[in-house]
Amino acid sequence: MPGGPLALRRVERAEPVPGRLGHRAGRRAGARRIAHAADGSHLRAAAPTETRDGGQGRAESCGRSGSVTLARVPHLIRAGARSARTGTIALLAALTVLAGCGSDSVHDHPGPAPGPPLGEATAAPPEPPASPGPAGPARPALSEADVAAGVRSREVPRSETGELVVVPGADDAPAGRARTVPMRIEIERGVDVDGTTFAGFVSAVLDDPRSWGGDGSVGFARTDGPAPLRIVLATPDLADRLCLPLDTVGRLSCRNGDRVVINLERWVTGTPEYAHDLTAYRRYLVNHEVGHWLGHGHEPCPGPGRPAPVMQQQTLGLKGCTPQPWPR
């Protein structure tokens, strides 16, 4: 607009207008106030200050003495419209005043409502600490028979490290036997079994007069060196691998080559028909598998109520026979 900036500077340097103005003085005063409003430097309503009472402070600032008020806007527009230079300035100033002091109907897009920043209000609250669930079943208590067989836990893992370790130590065979077979005891690393106690249990079974050497034909001497007979205690998965090509289905024991492989699950839990006497079942297991190493095959139950032969597959059921863990 030609001459606009010059006119504004001239008005800003003008002296204050007396309280009572004539017709021309009134026009000049109106133009001066409109110029101030268009510049924005003296229009307090266009830049309301923050107050503790929210929006009320803005309305109060628009009505202070010496400021442009809503009631005077029409008069200012009419006064400024008589001057070609200030007509447009008057219109802009009036709109500025309305924007600064207008009612809710002027603001089509109200600001954000009071509250926490966007995101905090809609974010999911943190999960409360999980309350402790019901206690799981207590671990089965160990019996004296378990401890005597080296069992330290009645919980049987499906697999462990798959690595065999030799139980250190040595025992002589009973005197007076026709021949002596060196044997070595190995257990899978990681199983919860006392290796020394397990080895002592196995040696005691094979050296018992009711076992294979009771007739003086053979004795077993435990060693931790090379041996033609290796008795291994392994988890179900490892037992299955060591017994191949036999299929032991994760539940059975076997003899394979120089190894007698005892399934840890059978050693710990036995069978339903031996549940009342796990020591007897463990003796049967050692004698049965070592009997295979000695060359004995399976035998059937000789009849209902009779003692089961040690080479009967008693793990699969007694078939009417009574439990019998010894060869003689």
Protein backbone atom coordinates (compact mmCIF):
# COMPACT_ATOMS: atom_id res chain seq x y z
CA MET A 1 0.00 0.00 0.00
CA PRO A 2 1.75 3.31 -1.12
CA GLY A 3 2.80 5.50 1.71
CA GLY A 4 1.66 2.98 4.33
CA PRO A 5 4.93 2.64 6.21
CA LEU A 6 5.56 6.37 6.19
CA ALA A 7 2.09 7.06 7.53
CA LEU A 8 2.65 4.56 10.33
CA ARG A 9 5.92 6.16 11.33
CA ARG A 10 4.37 9.63 11.35
CA VAL A 11 1.48 8.48 13.54
CA GLU A 12 3.84 6.71 15.98
CA ARG A 13 5.72 10.02 16.47
CA ALA A 14 2.55 12.07 16.98
CA GLU A 15 1.86 13.67 20.36
CA PRO A 16 -0.80 12.16 22.61
CA VAL A 17 -4.35 13.30 21.76
CA PRO A 18 -6.20 15.30 24.45
CA GLY A 19 -9.21 13.75 26.07
CA ARG A 20 -11.79 15.92 24.20
CA LEU A 21 -11.32 15.91 20.45
CA GLY A 22 -13.01 17.76 17.67
CA HIS A 23 -14.24 16.13 14.52
CA ARG A 24 -10.85 16.19 12.76
CA ALA A 25 -8.91 15.41 15.87
CA GLY A 26 -11.18 12.42 16.43
CA ARG A 27 -10.40 11.15 12.97
CA ARG A 28 -6.68 11.58 13.59
CA ALA A 29 -6.93 9.80 16.93
CA GLY A 30 -8.81 6.94 15.35
CA ALA A 31 -6.22 6.63 12.61
CA ARG A 32 -3.40 6.73 15.17
CA ARG A 33 -4.97 3.98 17.25
CA ILE A 34 -5.64 1.88 14.16
CA ALA A 35 -2.03 2.28 13.09
CA HIS A 36 -0.86 1.16 16.47
CA ALA A 37 -3.15 -1.85 16.19
CA ALA A 38 -1.91 -2.77 12.71
CA ASP A 39 1.72 -2.59 13.85
CA GLY A 40 0.97 -4.85 16.80
CA SER A 41 3.51 -3.25 19.06
CA HIS A 42 0.94 -1.39 21.16
CA LEU A 43 -2.06 -3.70 20.84
CA ARG A 44 -2.06 -5.67 24.07
CA ALA A 45 -5.16 -7.67 23.14
CA ALA A 46 -3.35 -9.38 20.25
CA ALA A 47 -0.71 -10.84 22.60
CA PRO A 48 -2.48 -11.79 25.81
CA THR A 49 -0.31 -12.75 28.72
CA GLU A 50 -0.72 -15.99 30.61
CA THR A 51 -2.78 -15.72 33.77
CA ARG A 52 -3.60 -18.13 36.55
CA ASP A 53 -7.30 -17.94 35.76
CA GLY A 54 -6.97 -19.39 32.25
CA GLY A 55 -9.02 -17.60 29.54
CA GLN A 56 -10.48 -15.00 31.88
CA GLY A 57 -7.20 -13.11 32.07
CA ARG A 58 -7.24 -12.64 28.28
CA ALA A 59 -10.72 -11.06 28.36
CA GLU A 60 -9.71 -8.75 31.17
CA SER A 61 -6.63 -7.53 29.31
CA CYS A 62 -8.81 -6.56 26.33
CA GLY A 63 -10.91 -4.25 28.46
CA ARG A 64 -8.17 -2.25 30.19
CA SER A 65 -8.07 1.55 29.95
CA GLY A 66 -6.05 2.82 26.97
CA SER A 67 -6.51 -0.43 25.00
CA VAL A 68 -8.67 -1.11 21.96
CA THR A 69 -11.96 -2.66 23.09
CA LEU A 70 -14.56 -4.61 21.19
CA ALA A 71 -17.12 -1.89 21.77
CA ARG A 72 -14.95 0.65 19.91
CA VAL A 73 -14.13 -1.51 16.89
CA PRO A 74 -17.09 -0.34 14.72
CA HIS A 75 -16.32 3.31 15.51
CA LEU A 76 -12.65 2.79 14.58
CA ILE A 77 -13.58 1.15 11.31
CA ARG A 78 -15.93 4.05 10.39
CA ALA A 79 -13.34 6.61 11.37
CA GLY A 80 -10.56 4.91 9.49
CA ALA A 81 -12.73 4.26 6.43
CA ARG A 82 -12.89 8.05 5.75
CA SER A 83 -9.18 7.96 5.00
CA ALA A 84 -7.96 6.11 1.95
CA ARG A 85 -4.65 5.47 3.68
CA THR A 86 -6.05 3.98 6.84
CA GLY A 87 -9.13 2.15 5.53
CA THR A 88 -7.40 -1.10 4.99
CA ILE A 89 -5.40 -0.72 8.19
CA ALA A 90 -8.62 -0.25 10.09
CA LEU A 91 -10.11 -3.44 8.75
CA LEU A 92 -7.00 -5.47 9.59
CA ALA A 93 -6.80 -3.97 13.03
CA ALA A 94 -10.43 -4.81 13.74
CA LEU A 95 -9.88 -8.40 12.73
CA THR A 96 -6.77 -8.51 14.90
CA VAL A 97 -8.74 -7.29 17.86
CA LEU A 98 -11.47 -9.84 17.27
CA ALA A 99 -8.91 -12.60 16.98
CA GLY A 100 -7.31 -11.57 20.25
CA CYS A 101 -10.49 -10.99 22.22
CA GLY A 102 -13.18 -12.88 20.33
CA SER A 103 -15.61 -15.34 21.86
CA ASP A 104 -15.58 -19.14 21.33
CA SER A 105 -17.47 -18.75 18.05
CA VAL A 106 -14.45 -17.05 16.45
CA HIS A 107 -12.13 -20.04 17.11
CA ASP A 108 -13.04 -22.91 14.81
CA HIS A 109 -10.13 -25.03 16.13
CA PRO A 110 -9.82 -24.80 19.89
CA GLY A 111 -6.48 -25.64 21.47
CA PRO A 112 -5.75 -28.89 23.25
CA ALA A 113 -7.76 -29.57 26.35
CA PRO A 114 -5.95 -29.46 29.67
CA GLY A 115 -4.40 -32.77 30.59
CA PRO A 116 -1.23 -34.77 30.24
CA PRO A 117 0.74 -34.58 26.98
CA LEU A 118 -0.60 -36.53 24.03
CA GLY A 119 0.54 -40.12 24.30
CA GLU A 120 0.71 -40.37 28.06
CA ALA A 121 -3.05 -40.34 28.37
CA THR A 122 -3.56 -43.01 25.73
CA ALA A 123 -0.59 -45.20 26.56
CA ALA A 124 -1.39 -48.50 28.21
CA PRO A 125 -0.65 -48.40 31.93
CA PRO A 126 2.29 -50.50 33.06
CA GLU A 127 1.46 -54.06 33.89
CA PRO A 128 1.00 -54.59 37.61
CA PRO A 129 3.50 -56.95 39.19
CA ALA A 130 2.42 -60.50 38.64
CA SER A 131 0.98 -61.96 41.76
CA PRO A 132 2.63 -65.19 42.77
CA GLY A 133 0.69 -68.11 41.40
CA PRO A 134 -0.23 -71.17 43.32
CA ALA A 135 2.76 -73.13 44.47
CA GLY A 136 3.62 -76.03 42.20
CA PRO A 137 3.53 -79.59 43.38
CA ALA A 138 6.16 -80.39 45.93
CA ARG A 139 9.09 -82.42 44.74
CA PRO A 140 8.63 -86.10 45.62
CA ALA A 141 10.51 -86.94 48.75
CA LEU A 142 13.46 -89.25 48.50
CA SER A 143 13.29 -92.55 50.30
CA GLU A 144 16.14 -94.40 52.00
CA ALA A 145 16.16 -96.76 49.02
CA ASP A 146 16.65 -93.80 46.65
CA VAL A 147 19.58 -92.45 48.62
CA ALA A 148 21.19 -95.91 48.77
CA ALA A 149 21.00 -96.12 44.96
CA GLY A 150 22.57 -92.68 44.45
CA VAL A 151 19.29 -90.95 43.50
CA ARG A 152 19.26 -87.29 44.56
CA SER A 153 16.11 -86.20 42.74
CA ARG A 154 13.03 -88.03 41.59
CA GLU A 155 12.58 -85.57 38.71
CA VAL A 156 13.98 -87.13 35.54
CA PRO A 157 15.06 -84.85 32.65
CA ARG A 158 14.43 -86.12 29.15
CA SER A 159 18.00 -85.25 28.21
CA GLU A 160 21.14 -83.72 29.62
CA THR A 161 24.60 -83.02 28.27
CA GLY A 162 24.97 -86.30 26.36
CA GLU A 163 28.52 -86.57 27.70
CA LEU A 164 29.60 -89.59 29.70
CA VAL A 165 32.00 -89.31 32.62
CA VAL A 166 33.75 -92.16 34.40
CA VAL A 167 33.10 -92.54 38.09
CA PRO A 168 36.54 -92.67 39.72
CA GLY A 169 37.40 -95.51 42.04
CA ALA A 170 38.16 -99.24 42.07
CA ASP A 171 36.95 -102.37 43.90
CA ASP A 172 38.33 -105.89 43.90
CA ALA A 173 36.28 -108.86 42.83
CA PRO A 174 35.31 -111.39 45.52
CA ALA A 175 37.98 -113.97 46.17
CA GLY A 176 37.64 -117.52 44.80
CA ARG A 177 35.93 -116.68 41.50
CA ALA A 178 36.94 -118.60 38.40
CA ARG A 179 37.43 -115.44 36.37
CA THR A 180 37.35 -111.74 36.96
CA VAL A 181 35.69 -109.23 34.64
CA PRO A 182 36.88 -105.60 34.92
CA MET A 183 33.95 -103.18 34.73
CA ARG A 184 33.78 -99.40 34.54
CA ILE A 185 30.89 -97.24 35.77
CA GLU A 186 29.92 -94.16 33.73
CA ILE A 187 27.14 -91.65 34.16
CA GLU A 188 25.88 -88.85 31.96
CA ARG A 189 27.24 -85.50 33.04
CA GLY A 190 24.54 -83.29 34.53
CA VAL A 191 22.20 -85.97 35.91
CA ASP A 192 21.32 -85.55 39.58
CA VAL A 193 22.86 -88.79 40.77
CA ASP A 194 25.64 -89.47 43.24
CA GLY A 195 28.08 -91.32 41.02
CA THR A 196 30.07 -92.94 43.81
CA THR A 197 26.95 -94.27 45.54
CA PHE A 198 25.51 -95.52 42.23
CA ALA A 199 28.77 -97.36 41.46
CA GLY A 200 28.82 -98.92 44.92
CA PHE A 201 25.23 -100.13 44.49
CA VAL A 202 26.06 -101.82 41.14
CA SER A 203 29.18 -103.50 42.54
CA ALA A 204 27.25 -104.79 45.56
CA VAL A 205 24.58 -106.35 43.31
CA LEU A 206 27.06 -108.15 41.06
CA ASP A 207 29.15 -109.37 43.99
CA ASP A 208 26.10 -110.72 45.86
CA PRO A 209 26.01 -114.52 46.16
CA ARG A 210 22.52 -114.46 44.60
CA SER A 211 23.90 -112.83 41.46
CA TRP A 212 25.65 -114.36 38.46
CA GLY A 213 28.90 -115.11 40.31
CA GLY A 214 27.22 -116.87 43.18
CA ASP A 215 28.29 -120.24 41.78
CA GLY A 216 31.93 -119.09 41.72
CA SER A 217 32.09 -118.82 37.95
CA VAL A 218 32.67 -115.10 37.61
CA GLY A 219 33.46 -111.99 39.62
CA PHE A 220 33.39 -108.29 38.70
CA ALA A 221 36.15 -105.87 39.64
CA ARG A 222 35.37 -102.21 39.30
CA THR A 223 37.95 -99.91 37.71
CA ASP A 224 38.11 -96.40 36.27
CA GLY A 225 40.50 -97.51 33.52
CA PRO A 226 39.87 -99.52 30.35
CA ALA A 227 37.34 -102.31 30.81
CA PRO A 228 35.46 -104.78 28.58
CA LEU A 229 32.23 -104.09 30.51
CA ARG A 230 30.95 -100.54 30.79
CA ILE A 231 27.83 -99.90 32.85
CA VAL A 232 26.28 -96.57 31.85
CA LEU A 233 23.49 -94.54 33.51
CA ALA A 234 21.92 -92.19 30.93
CA THR A 235 18.88 -90.00 30.40
CA PRO A 236 16.14 -91.39 28.13
CA ASP A 237 17.38 -89.53 25.03
CA LEU A 238 20.97 -90.63 25.41
CA ALA A 239 19.95 -94.18 26.29
CA ASP A 240 17.96 -94.35 23.05
CA ARG A 241 21.02 -93.29 21.05
CA LEU A 242 23.40 -95.66 22.82
CA CYS A 243 21.04 -98.59 22.32
CA LEU A 244 20.63 -98.19 18.55
CA PRO A 245 19.70 -100.10 16.47
CA LEU A 246 17.47 -101.35 19.28
CA ASP A 247 14.37 -99.22 19.81
CA THR A 248 14.16 -98.46 23.51
CA VAL A 249 11.40 -95.82 23.09
CA GLY A 250 12.78 -93.58 25.82
CA ARG A 251 11.75 -96.06 28.54
CA LEU A 252 13.87 -99.20 28.30
CA SER A 253 17.44 -100.24 29.04
CA CYS A 254 19.70 -102.45 26.93
CA ARG A 255 23.05 -104.14 26.36
CA ASN A 256 24.80 -102.98 23.21
CA GLY A 257 28.34 -104.20 22.55
CA ASP A 258 30.50 -103.61 25.63
CA ARG A 259 27.92 -101.29 27.19
CA VAL A 260 25.13 -102.03 29.59
CA VAL A 261 22.91 -98.96 29.30
CA ILE A 262 20.54 -98.24 32.18
CA ASN A 263 17.75 -95.75 31.50
CA LEU A 264 17.69 -93.06 34.22
CA GLU A 265 13.89 -92.95 34.23
CA ARG A 266 13.69 -96.65 35.03
CA TRP A 267 16.39 -96.31 37.68
CA VAL A 268 14.52 -93.52 39.46
CA THR A 269 10.86 -94.54 39.06
CA GLY A 270 10.87 -98.32 38.54
CA THR A 271 7.64 -99.92 37.31
CA PRO A 272 4.13 -100.18 38.81
CA GLU A 273 4.66 -103.84 39.77
CA TYR A 274 7.86 -102.95 41.63
CA ALA A 275 6.59 -99.67 43.09
CA HIS A 276 6.55 -101.15 46.60
CA ASP A 277 10.22 -102.22 46.36
CA LEU A 278 12.40 -100.04 44.15
CA THR A 279 15.57 -101.61 45.54
CA ALA A 280 14.45 -104.99 44.19
CA TYR A 281 13.68 -103.49 40.78
CA ARG A 282 17.11 -101.81 40.59
CA ARG A 283 18.79 -105.10 41.43
CA TYR A 284 16.75 -106.80 38.71
CA LEU A 285 17.75 -104.13 36.18
CA VAL A 286 21.49 -104.61 36.80
CA ASN A 287 21.28 -108.40 36.79
CA HIS A 288 19.09 -108.58 33.68
CA GLU A 289 21.27 -106.36 31.48
CA VAL A 290 24.58 -107.84 32.69
CA GLY A 291 22.99 -111.26 32.02
CA HIS A 292 22.73 -110.18 28.35
CA TRP A 293 26.42 -109.18 28.39
CA LEU A 294 27.18 -112.67 29.72
CA GLY A 295 25.24 -114.15 26.83
CA HIS A 296 21.86 -114.98 28.37
CA GLY A 297 18.69 -114.47 26.34
CA HIS A 298 15.11 -113.68 27.36
CA GLU A 299 12.96 -116.19 29.18
CA PRO A 300 9.17 -116.30 29.62
CA CYS A 301 7.16 -116.47 32.81
CA PRO A 302 7.00 -120.15 33.79
CA GLY A 303 3.49 -119.89 35.16
CA PRO A 304 1.12 -117.80 37.29
CA GLY A 305 2.32 -117.25 40.81
CA ARG A 306 5.82 -118.48 40.17
CA PRO A 307 8.93 -116.31 40.55
CA ALA A 308 9.82 -114.52 37.35
CA PRO A 309 13.18 -115.50 35.83
CA VAL A 310 15.66 -112.63 35.97
CA MET A 311 15.93 -112.85 32.18
CA GLN A 312 12.19 -112.32 31.78
CA GLN A 313 11.39 -108.82 30.55
CA GLN A 314 9.90 -107.83 33.87
CA THR A 315 9.91 -104.14 32.98
CA LEU A 316 7.19 -104.92 30.41
CA GLY A 317 5.08 -106.80 32.93
CA LEU A 318 5.27 -109.86 35.15
CA LYS A 319 2.67 -111.82 33.13
CA GLY A 320 1.34 -113.49 36.24
CA CYS A 321 4.72 -114.21 37.82
CA THR A 322 5.94 -112.69 41.05
CA PRO A 323 8.85 -110.24 41.16
CA GLN A 324 12.30 -111.83 41.29
CA PRO A 325 15.49 -109.73 40.96
CA TRP A 326 18.10 -112.48 41.25
CA PRO A 327 19.40 -115.13 38.85
CA ARG A 328 19.56 -117.81 41.55
